[in-house]
Amino acid sequence: MKLVMNMVRKPFKAGDVIFDFGDRSDEIYLIHSGSVEIVSREGLVLATLKAGELFGEMASIMGERERTARAVTASTSVIDVIDSGTMQRKLAEADPVLRALVRNLTNRLADANLMNEERWLLLNVYQSLAPEEIERP
């Protein structure tokens, strides 16, 4: 079976925002060269990705319509931009057990990202306190 994809290869400079919070999640990205950071609303780097890695797929798999993270190029990069319909078609064709597994793992990753961000925020609160402001047991 041949995979039909609508894909466009695009160059990016270091520091370019590929997608931002609240953007529509109509595309998935494959890094051809370079690197990309996935950043939370609070500035926590959730992942640093390199050539051969996909990103932007979580929103498509989870059925979300808006991005919950920011993707920024960490270096000059070339990215293949793929329409999310390709992933939706592939998921629809997959075995139902595999489809459920992919969704389950995606949900767990989203939960882990949220937990990491919450802990990071808590750590930053404690780091901002002077030693005398911290109550000892």
Protein backbone atom coordinates (compact mmCIF):
# COMPACT_ATOMS: atom_id res chain seq x y z
CA MET A 1 0.00 0.00 0.00
CA LYS A 2 1.35 3.42 -0.95
CA LEU A 3 1.21 6.24 1.60
CA VAL A 4 -0.19 9.43 0.12
CA MET A 5 0.99 12.52 1.98
CA ASN A 6 0.56 16.20 1.40
CA MET A 7 4.00 17.39 2.47
CA VAL A 8 5.96 20.60 1.98
CA ARG A 9 9.64 21.02 2.92
CA LYS A 10 10.35 24.39 4.58
CA PRO A 11 13.57 26.02 5.82
CA PHE A 12 13.67 27.75 9.23
CA LYS A 13 16.25 29.95 10.93
CA ALA A 14 17.34 29.38 14.53
CA GLY A 15 14.73 30.87 16.87
CA ASP A 16 11.82 30.69 14.42
CA VAL A 17 8.48 29.75 15.97
CA ILE A 18 7.00 26.87 13.97
CA PHE A 19 3.74 26.88 15.91
CA ASP A 20 2.56 28.63 19.04
CA PHE A 21 0.03 28.18 21.83
CA GLY A 22 -3.53 28.30 20.52
CA ASP A 23 -2.57 27.79 16.87
CA ARG A 24 -4.76 25.35 14.93
CA SER A 25 -3.31 21.85 14.85
CA ASP A 26 -3.69 21.13 11.14
CA GLU A 27 -0.14 19.93 10.54
CA ILE A 28 2.45 17.45 11.76
CA TYR A 29 6.18 18.06 11.40
CA LEU A 30 9.13 15.84 10.53
CA ILE A 31 12.61 17.24 11.10
CA HIS A 32 14.73 16.75 7.98
CA SER A 33 17.74 18.58 9.48
CA GLY A 34 18.44 20.76 12.49
CA SER A 35 16.74 20.69 15.89
CA VAL A 36 13.52 21.90 17.49
CA GLU A 37 12.53 22.62 21.09
CA ILE A 38 9.01 21.99 22.36
CA VAL A 39 8.29 24.57 25.08
CA SER A 40 5.46 24.78 27.63
CA ARG A 41 3.45 27.91 28.43
CA GLU A 42 5.72 28.56 31.41
CA GLY A 43 8.91 28.23 29.37
CA LEU A 44 9.86 24.67 30.35
CA VAL A 45 11.62 22.85 27.49
CA LEU A 46 9.61 19.63 27.26
CA ALA A 47 11.75 18.10 24.49
CA THR A 48 14.65 18.84 22.18
CA LEU A 49 14.17 16.98 18.92
CA LYS A 50 16.54 16.30 16.03
CA ALA A 51 16.55 15.02 12.45
CA GLY A 52 14.18 12.12 11.87
CA GLU A 53 11.83 12.98 14.73
CA LEU A 54 8.15 13.93 14.42
CA PHE A 55 6.39 16.58 16.47
CA GLY A 56 2.99 18.23 16.55
CA GLU A 57 1.28 14.84 16.38
CA MET A 58 -0.17 14.88 19.90
CA ALA A 59 -2.88 17.42 19.11
CA SER A 60 -3.87 15.43 16.05
CA ILE A 61 -4.02 12.11 17.91
CA MET A 62 -5.87 13.57 20.90
CA GLY A 63 -8.36 15.35 18.65
CA GLU A 64 -7.44 18.79 19.97
CA ARG A 65 -7.86 21.69 17.63
CA GLU A 66 -5.40 24.10 19.28
CA ARG A 67 -1.73 23.75 20.19
CA THR A 68 -0.87 23.49 23.88
CA ALA A 69 2.89 24.05 23.40
CA ARG A 70 5.27 26.14 21.31
CA ALA A 71 7.74 24.65 18.80
CA VAL A 72 10.87 26.75 18.21
CA THR A 73 13.88 25.91 16.07
CA ALA A 74 17.00 25.51 18.21
CA SER A 75 19.19 25.71 15.10
CA THR A 76 18.84 26.34 11.39
CA SER A 77 16.45 23.58 10.32
CA VAL A 78 14.61 22.06 7.39
CA ILE A 79 11.19 20.72 8.35
CA ASP A 80 8.76 18.59 6.35
CA VAL A 81 5.26 19.92 7.04
CA ILE A 82 2.63 17.17 6.69
CA ASP A 83 -1.12 17.69 6.73
CA SER A 84 -2.66 16.02 9.80
CA GLY A 85 -5.18 14.22 7.57
CA THR A 86 -2.37 11.82 6.67
CA MET A 87 -2.00 10.75 10.31
CA GLN A 88 -5.77 10.57 10.75
CA ARG A 89 -6.03 8.25 7.73
CA LYS A 90 -3.20 6.04 9.01
CA LEU A 91 -4.78 5.85 12.48
CA ALA A 92 -8.17 5.01 10.98
CA GLU A 93 -6.57 2.14 9.03
CA ALA A 94 -4.72 0.76 12.06
CA ASP A 95 -5.82 -2.16 14.18
CA PRO A 96 -8.25 -0.92 16.90
CA VAL A 97 -5.94 -2.20 19.66
CA LEU A 98 -2.98 -0.29 18.18
CA ARG A 99 -5.14 2.81 17.78
CA ALA A 100 -6.14 2.59 21.46
CA LEU A 101 -2.51 2.04 22.48
CA VAL A 102 -1.32 5.12 20.54
CA ARG A 103 -4.06 7.29 22.07
CA ASN A 104 -3.34 5.93 25.56
CA LEU A 105 0.40 6.61 25.28
CA THR A 106 -0.27 10.07 23.86
CA ASN A 107 -2.59 10.91 26.76
CA ARG A 108 0.03 9.67 29.25
CA LEU A 109 2.68 11.84 27.62
CA ALA A 110 0.38 14.87 27.77
CA ASP A 111 -0.25 14.16 31.48
CA ALA A 112 3.50 13.78 32.12
CA ASN A 113 4.20 17.10 30.37
CA LEU A 114 1.60 18.81 32.55
CA MET A 115 3.01 17.23 35.72
CA ASN A 116 6.56 18.28 34.77
CA GLU A 117 5.42 21.84 34.21
CA GLU A 118 3.56 21.95 37.55
CA ARG A 119 6.62 20.63 39.41
CA TRP A 120 8.88 23.06 37.56
CA LEU A 121 6.64 25.97 38.61
CA LEU A 122 6.68 24.76 42.21
CA LEU A 123 10.47 24.48 42.14
CA ASN A 124 10.74 28.05 40.81
CA VAL A 125 8.55 29.29 43.67
CA TYR A 126 10.85 27.64 46.22
CA GLN A 127 13.97 28.93 44.49
CA SER A 128 12.66 32.47 44.82
CA LEU A 129 12.34 32.18 48.61
CA ALA A 130 15.07 33.33 50.93
CA PRO A 131 16.37 30.59 53.30
CA GLU A 132 14.66 32.23 56.28
CA GLU A 133 11.29 32.11 54.45
CA ILE A 134 11.32 28.31 54.23
CA GLU A 135 9.67 26.59 57.16
CA ARG A 136 11.70 23.64 58.44
CA PRO A 137 10.01 20.55 59.95
